[in-house]
Protein backbone atom coordinates (compact mmCIF):
# COMPACT_ATOMS: atom_id res chain seq x y z
CA MET A 1 0.00 0.00 0.00
CA LYS A 2 2.80 2.41 0.95
CA GLU A 3 4.70 1.46 -2.20
CA LEU A 4 1.73 2.37 -4.40
CA GLN A 5 1.34 5.68 -2.59
CA ASP A 6 5.02 6.46 -3.20
CA LYS A 7 4.72 5.55 -6.90
CA MET A 8 1.71 7.81 -7.28
CA THR A 9 3.59 10.71 -5.70
CA ASP A 10 6.61 10.09 -7.94
CA TYR A 11 4.47 9.99 -11.08
CA LYS A 12 2.82 13.28 -10.15
CA ARG A 13 6.23 14.85 -9.54
CA PHE A 14 7.54 13.58 -12.88
CA ALA A 15 4.48 15.02 -14.63
CA PHE A 16 4.91 18.41 -12.96
CA ILE A 17 8.61 18.59 -13.82
CA LEU A 18 7.97 17.63 -17.44
CA LEU A 19 5.18 20.20 -17.75
CA SER A 20 7.47 22.88 -16.34
CA LEU A 21 10.22 21.96 -18.77
CA SER A 22 7.81 21.97 -21.71
CA VAL A 23 6.66 25.48 -20.78
CA PHE A 24 10.27 26.71 -20.86
CA LEU A 25 10.82 25.08 -24.25
CA TYR A 26 7.61 26.54 -25.62
CA ILE A 27 8.49 30.03 -24.38
CA GLY A 28 11.96 29.63 -25.85
CA SER A 29 10.46 29.01 -29.25
CA PHE A 30 8.83 32.47 -29.21
CA LEU A 31 11.74 34.52 -27.86
CA PRO A 32 13.48 36.49 -30.59
CA MET A 33 17.07 35.33 -31.12
CA GLU A 34 19.59 36.06 -33.81
CA GLY A 35 20.05 33.15 -36.16
CA GLN A 36 16.94 31.35 -34.97
CA THR A 37 15.72 29.23 -37.84
CA ASP A 38 12.33 27.71 -38.48
CA GLU A 39 13.89 24.31 -37.86
CA ARG A 40 14.97 25.31 -34.36
CA VAL A 41 11.52 26.69 -33.55
CA LEU A 42 9.98 23.45 -34.79
CA ILE A 43 12.33 21.38 -32.62
CA LEU A 44 11.57 23.46 -29.51
CA THR A 45 7.82 23.35 -30.11
CA GLY A 46 7.83 19.64 -30.94
CA GLY A 47 9.95 18.88 -27.88
CA GLY A 48 7.52 20.81 -25.72
CA PHE A 49 4.56 18.86 -27.05
CA LEU A 50 6.44 15.59 -26.63
CA LEU A 51 7.14 16.43 -22.98
CA ILE A 52 3.48 17.32 -22.46
CA GLY A 53 2.51 13.92 -23.87
CA ILE A 54 4.91 12.13 -21.55
CA ALA A 55 3.63 14.19 -18.61
CA LEU A 56 0.07 13.19 -19.46
CA PHE A 57 1.16 9.55 -19.51
CA PHE A 58 2.68 9.86 -16.02
CA TYR A 59 -0.38 11.69 -14.74
CA SER A 60 -2.71 9.01 -16.11
CA ARG A 61 -0.57 6.35 -14.37
CA ALA A 62 -0.90 8.32 -11.11
CA ILE A 63 -4.69 8.46 -11.54
CA ALA A 64 -4.81 4.69 -12.17
CA ILE A 65 -2.83 4.04 -9.01
CA GLN A 66 -5.09 6.42 -7.06
CA LYS A 67 -8.15 4.47 -8.25
CA LYS A 68 -6.47 1.22 -7.23
CA LEU A 69 -5.74 2.63 -3.77
CA ASN A 70 -9.32 3.87 -3.40
CA ASP A 71 -10.68 0.47 -4.43
CA SER A 72 -8.48 -1.34 -1.95
CA ASP A 73 -9.53 1.09 0.82
CA THR A 74 -13.22 0.46 0.17
CA THR A 75 -12.78 -3.33 0.14
CA ASN A 76 -10.85 -3.25 3.42
CA ASP A 77 -13.60 -1.34 5.23
């Protein structure tokens, strides 16, 4: 039970960190820089969206573990 709770917390932390990183990448794609090419903007934007997708995966895993914990709590009562 404690192990599942720790996993859920870790997954939520991973998701938050990845979302934060994706925001920085996305903002970096809009900042004006000398020599910034369309390819670089595409890489930054695509990397941001990829990180958001991975964060959503971790968050969905955390939700699944939360449901499992809630189900085990109701069966133990």
